[in-house]
């Protein structure tokens, strides 16, 4: 189960002024799944309005209703096998999303499997959050317990030329659990839980019940 307070803690660090996001990348796809264009940029190089607009996409994933629209899944041994999707995502995270070869391969996999029926986008956010220490009285203290490094993915239909609409699917990897990185878990977002994206999750996840 996801602790709502964990998600709120991360969301509070998704503002233009004090965002923990350091880099944003993305791809735009046509209805056939072919990439129309990509980008990869230092987040701080964006204007404040652009930061705000893009952070609203990332926050849709984290701020969605926990344990209903946003659920915790464990990654199976099969999902974590060498050469698998989650090893690729770990590589994207560990290089700070600065290696386009990794992100391009991820987009290729998405384009092969995801067919929403129209043009769409995939945005990736890479961030590092210095998790502050909490005392026994739950008060914030100086210092950091650990640095939580993460990826947020948001997949959205395009509402105009290179204009993503509200995300329909996404994830936070690794999961933020007990105020730290849970490397064998992922938090998965579905805008409509009655129409899950099985083409992306059928093999890779086992839901924690």
C-alpha atoms as a PDB file:
ATOM      1  CA  UNK A   1       0.000   0.000   0.000  1.00  0.00           C
ATOM      2  CA  UNK A   2       1.117   3.538  -0.757  1.00  0.00           C
ATOM      3  CA  UNK A   3       1.399   5.988   2.120  1.00  0.00           C
ATOM      4  CA  UNK A   4      -0.331   9.155   0.947  1.00  0.00           C
ATOM      5  CA  UNK A   5       2.047  11.277   3.024  1.00  0.00           C
ATOM      6  CA  UNK A   6       4.995   9.961   1.004  1.00  0.00           C
ATOM      7  CA  UNK A   7       3.396  11.176  -2.223  1.00  0.00           C
ATOM      8  CA  UNK A   8       2.529  14.542  -0.692  1.00  0.00           C
ATOM      9  CA  UNK A   9       6.125  14.931   0.472  1.00  0.00           C
ATOM     10  CA  UNK A  10       7.400  14.430  -3.075  1.00  0.00           C
ATOM     11  CA  UNK A  11       4.705  16.622  -4.618  1.00  0.00           C
ATOM     12  CA  UNK A  12       5.690  19.531  -2.380  1.00  0.00           C
ATOM     13  CA  UNK A  13       9.076  19.459  -4.119  1.00  0.00           C
ATOM     14  CA  UNK A  14       7.529  19.795  -7.573  1.00  0.00           C
ATOM     15  CA  UNK A  15       7.232  23.570  -7.763  1.00  0.00           C
ATOM     16  CA  UNK A  16       9.120  25.873 -10.166  1.00  0.00           C
ATOM     17  CA  UNK A  17      10.956  27.514  -7.259  1.00  0.00           C
ATOM     18  CA  UNK A  18      12.201  24.397  -5.448  1.00  0.00           C
ATOM     19  CA  UNK A  19      11.765  21.482  -7.782  1.00  0.00           C
ATOM     20  CA  UNK A  20      13.762  18.311  -7.173  1.00  0.00           C
ATOM     21  CA  UNK A  21      13.528  17.601 -10.917  1.00  0.00           C
ATOM     22  CA  UNK A  22      16.853  18.237 -12.641  1.00  0.00           C
ATOM     23  CA  UNK A  23      16.187  17.003 -16.151  1.00  0.00           C
ATOM     24  CA  UNK A  24      13.227  16.440 -18.468  1.00  0.00           C
ATOM     25  CA  UNK A  25      13.120  14.387 -21.667  1.00  0.00           C
ATOM     26  CA  UNK A  26      10.349  13.257 -23.931  1.00  0.00           C
ATOM     27  CA  UNK A  27       9.159  11.938 -27.241  1.00  0.00           C
ATOM     28  CA  UNK A  28       6.175  12.636 -29.485  1.00  0.00           C
ATOM     29  CA  UNK A  29       4.585   9.709 -31.321  1.00  0.00           C
ATOM     30  CA  UNK A  30       2.193   9.406 -34.230  1.00  0.00           C
ATOM     31  CA  UNK A  31      -0.773   7.033 -34.178  1.00  0.00           C
ATOM     32  CA  UNK A  32       1.390   4.255 -35.624  1.00  0.00           C
ATOM     33  CA  UNK A  33       3.870   4.460 -32.750  1.00  0.00           C
ATOM     34  CA  UNK A  34       6.652   6.146 -34.692  1.00  0.00           C
ATOM     35  CA  UNK A  35       8.614   8.922 -33.004  1.00  0.00           C
ATOM     36  CA  UNK A  36       7.993  12.373 -34.510  1.00  0.00           C
ATOM     37  CA  UNK A  37      10.493  14.199 -32.323  1.00  0.00           C
ATOM     38  CA  UNK A  38      12.379  14.086 -29.032  1.00  0.00           C
ATOM     39  CA  UNK A  39      13.947  16.465 -26.537  1.00  0.00           C
ATOM     40  CA  UNK A  40      16.245  16.190 -23.506  1.00  0.00           C
ATOM     41  CA  UNK A  41      17.116  19.284 -21.488  1.00  0.00           C
ATOM     42  CA  UNK A  42      18.287  20.551 -18.120  1.00  0.00           C
ATOM     43  CA  UNK A  43      15.083  21.465 -16.305  1.00  0.00           C
ATOM     44  CA  UNK A  44      16.456  24.761 -15.004  1.00  0.00           C
ATOM     45  CA  UNK A  45      17.015  25.983 -18.565  1.00  0.00           C
ATOM     46  CA  UNK A  46      13.259  26.130 -19.074  1.00  0.00           C
ATOM     47  CA  UNK A  47      11.378  29.348 -18.394  1.00  0.00           C
ATOM     48  CA  UNK A  48       9.344  29.487 -15.196  1.00  0.00           C
ATOM     49  CA  UNK A  49       6.028  29.126 -17.102  1.00  0.00           C
ATOM     50  CA  UNK A  50       7.426  26.093 -18.956  1.00  0.00           C
ATOM     51  CA  UNK A  51       8.615  24.549 -15.697  1.00  0.00           C
ATOM     52  CA  UNK A  52       5.190  25.056 -14.144  1.00  0.00           C
ATOM     53  CA  UNK A  53       3.403  23.532 -17.145  1.00  0.00           C
ATOM     54  CA  UNK A  54       5.639  20.467 -17.230  1.00  0.00           C
ATOM     55  CA  UNK A  55       5.570  19.945 -13.460  1.00  0.00           C
ATOM     56  CA  UNK A  56       1.784  19.861 -13.605  1.00  0.00           C
ATOM     57  CA  UNK A  57       2.128  16.796 -15.850  1.00  0.00           C
ATOM     58  CA  UNK A  58       4.471  15.072 -13.398  1.00  0.00           C
ATOM     59  CA  UNK A  59       2.263  15.961 -10.430  1.00  0.00           C
ATOM     60  CA  UNK A  60      -0.736  14.322 -12.079  1.00  0.00           C
ATOM     61  CA  UNK A  61       0.984  10.979 -11.525  1.00  0.00           C
ATOM     62  CA  UNK A  62       1.984  11.580  -7.890  1.00  0.00           C
ATOM     63  CA  UNK A  63      -1.068  13.568  -6.800  1.00  0.00           C
ATOM     64  CA  UNK A  64      -3.623  11.075  -8.128  1.00  0.00           C
ATOM     65  CA  UNK A  65      -5.762   9.106  -5.707  1.00  0.00           C
ATOM     66  CA  UNK A  66      -3.452   6.683  -3.931  1.00  0.00           C
ATOM     67  CA  UNK A  67      -4.259   2.966  -3.881  1.00  0.00           C
ATOM     68  CA  UNK A  68      -6.967   3.605  -6.464  1.00  0.00           C
ATOM     69  CA  UNK A  69      -5.513   5.454  -9.461  1.00  0.00           C
ATOM     70  CA  UNK A  70      -1.930   5.203  -8.202  1.00  0.00           C
ATOM     71  CA  UNK A  71      -1.042   1.716  -6.973  1.00  0.00           C
ATOM     72  CA  UNK A  72       2.046  -0.016  -5.664  1.00  0.00           C
ATOM     73  CA  UNK A  73       3.398  -2.971  -7.604  1.00  0.00           C
ATOM     74  CA  UNK A  74       6.293  -5.286  -6.977  1.00  0.00           C
ATOM     75  CA  UNK A  75       8.683  -6.006  -9.812  1.00  0.00           C
ATOM     76  CA  UNK A  76       8.915  -9.727 -10.480  1.00  0.00           C
ATOM     77  CA  UNK A  77      12.207 -11.545 -11.043  1.00  0.00           C
ATOM     78  CA  UNK A  78      11.208 -11.804 -14.687  1.00  0.00           C
ATOM     79  CA  UNK A  79      10.708  -8.039 -14.875  1.00  0.00           C
ATOM     80  CA  UNK A  80      14.132  -7.449 -13.302  1.00  0.00           C
ATOM     81  CA  UNK A  81      15.988  -9.838 -15.584  1.00  0.00           C
ATOM     82  CA  UNK A  82      19.140  -8.601 -17.356  1.00  0.00           C
ATOM     83  CA  UNK A  83      18.189  -6.852 -20.574  1.00  0.00           C
ATOM     84  CA  UNK A  84      14.644  -6.200 -19.346  1.00  0.00           C
ATOM     85  CA  UNK A  85      12.643  -2.976 -19.265  1.00  0.00           C
ATOM     86  CA  UNK A  86      13.366  -2.154 -15.633  1.00  0.00           C
ATOM     87  CA  UNK A  87      17.088  -2.677 -16.052  1.00  0.00           C
ATOM     88  CA  UNK A  88      16.851  -0.139 -18.891  1.00  0.00           C
ATOM     89  CA  UNK A  89      14.974   2.314 -16.680  1.00  0.00           C
ATOM     90  CA  UNK A  90      17.555   1.848 -13.942  1.00  0.00           C
ATOM     91  CA  UNK A  91      20.255   2.734 -16.466  1.00  0.00           C
ATOM     92  CA  UNK A  92      18.318   5.851 -17.512  1.00  0.00           C
ATOM     93  CA  UNK A  93      18.037   6.875 -13.875  1.00  0.00           C
ATOM     94  CA  UNK A  94      21.638   6.152 -12.959  1.00  0.00           C
ATOM     95  CA  UNK A  95      23.066   8.231 -15.826  1.00  0.00           C
ATOM     96  CA  UNK A  96      20.887  11.156 -14.806  1.00  0.00           C
ATOM     97  CA  UNK A  97      18.951  10.764 -18.084  1.00  0.00           C
ATOM     98  CA  UNK A  98      21.918  12.162 -20.018  1.00  0.00           C
ATOM     99  CA  UNK A  99      22.429   9.198 -22.352  1.00  0.00           C
ATOM    100  CA  UNK A 100      20.064   9.544 -25.314  1.00  0.00           C
ATOM    101  CA  UNK A 101      20.766   5.967 -26.428  1.00  0.00           C
ATOM    102  CA  UNK A 102      18.923   4.674 -23.342  1.00  0.00           C
ATOM    103  CA  UNK A 103      15.934   6.990 -23.681  1.00  0.00           C
ATOM    104  CA  UNK A 104      15.677   6.329 -27.426  1.00  0.00           C
ATOM    105  CA  UNK A 105      15.553   2.590 -26.742  1.00  0.00           C
ATOM    106  CA  UNK A 106      12.814   3.128 -24.161  1.00  0.00           C
ATOM    107  CA  UNK A 107      10.773   5.146 -26.686  1.00  0.00           C
ATOM    108  CA  UNK A 108      11.243   2.367 -29.242  1.00  0.00           C
ATOM    109  CA  UNK A 109       9.840  -0.193 -26.804  1.00  0.00           C
ATOM    110  CA  UNK A 110       6.868   2.057 -26.007  1.00  0.00           C
ATOM    111  CA  UNK A 111       6.158   2.697 -29.669  1.00  0.00           C
ATOM    112  CA  UNK A 112       6.036  -1.026 -30.369  1.00  0.00           C
ATOM    113  CA  UNK A 113       3.628  -1.830 -27.550  1.00  0.00           C
ATOM    114  CA  UNK A 114       1.401   1.211 -27.014  1.00  0.00           C
ATOM    115  CA  UNK A 115      -1.383   1.982 -29.518  1.00  0.00           C
ATOM    116  CA  UNK A 116      -3.859   4.533 -28.117  1.00  0.00           C
ATOM    117  CA  UNK A 117      -5.401   5.256 -31.516  1.00  0.00           C
ATOM    118  CA  UNK A 118      -3.988   8.744 -32.008  1.00  0.00           C
ATOM    119  CA  UNK A 119      -0.837  10.829 -31.550  1.00  0.00           C
ATOM    120  CA  UNK A 120       0.614  10.814 -28.045  1.00  0.00           C
ATOM    121  CA  UNK A 121       3.620  11.788 -25.951  1.00  0.00           C
ATOM    122  CA  UNK A 122       5.864  10.315 -23.291  1.00  0.00           C
ATOM    123  CA  UNK A 123       7.545  12.699 -20.843  1.00  0.00           C
ATOM    124  CA  UNK A 124      10.294  11.542 -18.463  1.00  0.00           C
ATOM    125  CA  UNK A 125      11.388  13.496 -15.384  1.00  0.00           C
ATOM    126  CA  UNK A 126      14.606  12.714 -13.521  1.00  0.00           C
ATOM    127  CA  UNK A 127      15.057  14.048 -10.010  1.00  0.00           C
ATOM    128  CA  UNK A 128      17.067  13.795  -6.822  1.00  0.00           C
ATOM    129  CA  UNK A 129      15.402  14.502  -3.509  1.00  0.00           C
ATOM    130  CA  UNK A 130      17.460  15.007  -0.340  1.00  0.00           C
ATOM    131  CA  UNK A 131      15.167  13.287   2.136  1.00  0.00           C
ATOM    132  CA  UNK A 132      15.232  15.411   5.308  1.00  0.00           C
ATOM    133  CA  UNK A 133      15.611  13.844   8.725  1.00  0.00           C
ATOM    134  CA  UNK A 134      12.520  13.614  10.925  1.00  0.00           C
ATOM    135  CA  UNK A 135      12.828  13.483  14.691  1.00  0.00           C
ATOM    136  CA  UNK A 136      10.867  11.203  16.969  1.00  0.00           C
ATOM    137  CA  UNK A 137       8.337  14.011  17.356  1.00  0.00           C
ATOM    138  CA  UNK A 138       7.935  14.080  13.533  1.00  0.00           C
ATOM    139  CA  UNK A 139       9.508  17.526  13.352  1.00  0.00           C
ATOM    140  CA  UNK A 140      11.915  18.263  10.493  1.00  0.00           C
ATOM    141  CA  UNK A 141      15.577  18.370  11.436  1.00  0.00           C
ATOM    142  CA  UNK A 142      18.701  19.583   9.661  1.00  0.00           C
ATOM    143  CA  UNK A 143      20.517  17.110   7.434  1.00  0.00           C
ATOM    144  CA  UNK A 144      19.491  14.425   4.982  1.00  0.00           C
ATOM    145  CA  UNK A 145      18.789  10.731   5.548  1.00  0.00           C
ATOM    146  CA  UNK A 146      19.433   9.757   1.932  1.00  0.00           C
ATOM    147  CA  UNK A 147      19.212  11.036  -1.620  1.00  0.00           C
ATOM    148  CA  UNK A 148      16.206   9.531  -3.375  1.00  0.00           C
ATOM    149  CA  UNK A 149      16.856   9.391  -7.121  1.00  0.00           C
ATOM    150  CA  UNK A 150      13.789   8.771  -9.261  1.00  0.00           C
ATOM    151  CA  UNK A 151      12.072   8.784 -12.646  1.00  0.00           C
ATOM    152  CA  UNK A 152       8.534   9.935 -13.311  1.00  0.00           C
ATOM    153  CA  UNK A 153       6.969   8.870 -16.597  1.00  0.00           C
ATOM    154  CA  UNK A 154       3.758  10.405 -17.968  1.00  0.00           C
ATOM    155  CA  UNK A 155       2.071   9.214 -21.166  1.00  0.00           C
ATOM    156  CA  UNK A 156      -0.543  11.572 -22.599  1.00  0.00           C
ATOM    157  CA  UNK A 157      -2.624  12.053 -25.745  1.00  0.00           C
ATOM    158  CA  UNK A 158      -1.634  15.085 -27.808  1.00  0.00           C
ATOM    159  CA  UNK A 159      -4.252  17.846 -27.843  1.00  0.00           C
ATOM    160  CA  UNK A 160      -2.370  19.923 -30.416  1.00  0.00           C
ATOM    161  CA  UNK A 161       0.976  19.984 -32.159  1.00  0.00           C
ATOM    162  CA  UNK A 162       3.456  18.872 -29.477  1.00  0.00           C
ATOM    163  CA  UNK A 163       0.918  19.711 -26.760  1.00  0.00           C
ATOM    164  CA  UNK A 164       0.324  16.851 -24.288  1.00  0.00           C
ATOM    165  CA  UNK A 165      -3.053  16.585 -22.639  1.00  0.00           C
ATOM    166  CA  UNK A 166      -3.851  15.062 -19.262  1.00  0.00           C
ATOM    167  CA  UNK A 167      -1.762  11.927 -18.594  1.00  0.00           C
ATOM    168  CA  UNK A 168      -3.546   8.614 -19.022  1.00  0.00           C
ATOM    169  CA  UNK A 169      -0.774   6.371 -17.756  1.00  0.00           C
ATOM    170  CA  UNK A 170       2.498   6.772 -15.892  1.00  0.00           C
ATOM    171  CA  UNK A 171       4.729   5.611 -13.091  1.00  0.00           C
ATOM    172  CA  UNK A 172       7.176   6.590 -10.362  1.00  0.00           C
ATOM    173  CA  UNK A 173      10.294   4.426 -10.307  1.00  0.00           C
ATOM    174  CA  UNK A 174      11.586   3.304  -7.931  1.00  0.00           C
ATOM    175  CA  UNK A 175       8.686   3.591  -5.542  1.00  0.00           C
ATOM    176  CA  UNK A 176       9.056   6.049  -2.660  1.00  0.00           C
ATOM    177  CA  UNK A 177       8.307   3.847   0.357  1.00  0.00           C
ATOM    178  CA  UNK A 178       8.889   4.604   4.034  1.00  0.00           C
ATOM    179  CA  UNK A 179      10.575   7.818   2.884  1.00  0.00           C
ATOM    180  CA  UNK A 180      13.177   6.078   0.776  1.00  0.00           C
ATOM    181  CA  UNK A 181      13.836   4.229  -2.458  1.00  0.00           C
ATOM    182  CA  UNK A 182      12.163   0.819  -2.755  1.00  0.00           C
ATOM    183  CA  UNK A 183      14.116  -0.580  -5.693  1.00  0.00           C
ATOM    184  CA  UNK A 184      11.921  -3.644  -6.204  1.00  0.00           C
ATOM    185  CA  UNK A 185       8.699  -1.632  -6.373  1.00  0.00           C
ATOM    186  CA  UNK A 186       7.046   0.823  -8.750  1.00  0.00           C
ATOM    187  CA  UNK A 187       4.085   3.146  -8.270  1.00  0.00           C
ATOM    188  CA  UNK A 188       1.850   2.842 -11.322  1.00  0.00           C
ATOM    189  CA  UNK A 189      -0.740   5.441 -12.392  1.00  0.00           C
ATOM    190  CA  UNK A 190      -3.856   4.692 -14.444  1.00  0.00           C
ATOM    191  CA  UNK A 191      -6.260   7.532 -15.204  1.00  0.00           C
ATOM    192  CA  UNK A 192      -9.035   4.965 -15.698  1.00  0.00           C
ATOM    193  CA  UNK A 193      -8.395   1.884 -13.541  1.00  0.00           C
ATOM    194  CA  UNK A 194     -11.187   0.092 -15.427  1.00  0.00           C
ATOM    195  CA  UNK A 195      -9.135   0.343 -18.630  1.00  0.00           C
ATOM    196  CA  UNK A 196      -5.594  -0.570 -17.514  1.00  0.00           C
ATOM    197  CA  UNK A 197      -2.687  -0.549 -19.939  1.00  0.00           C
ATOM    198  CA  UNK A 198      -2.106  -4.300 -19.942  1.00  0.00           C
ATOM    199  CA  UNK A 199       0.097  -4.080 -23.023  1.00  0.00           C
ATOM    200  CA  UNK A 200       2.742  -2.463 -20.816  1.00  0.00           C
ATOM    201  CA  UNK A 201       2.137  -4.261 -17.539  1.00  0.00           C
ATOM    202  CA  UNK A 202       1.024  -7.822 -18.202  1.00  0.00           C
ATOM    203  CA  UNK A 203       4.495  -9.334 -17.828  1.00  0.00           C
ATOM    204  CA  UNK A 204       6.305  -6.711 -15.789  1.00  0.00           C
ATOM    205  CA  UNK A 205       4.229  -6.285 -12.667  1.00  0.00           C
ATOM    206  CA  UNK A 206       2.534  -8.244  -9.917  1.00  0.00           C
ATOM    207  CA  UNK A 207       0.055  -6.155  -7.940  1.00  0.00           C
ATOM    208  CA  UNK A 208       0.467  -6.143  -4.167  1.00  0.00           C
ATOM    209  CA  UNK A 209      -2.882  -7.067  -2.676  1.00  0.00           C
END
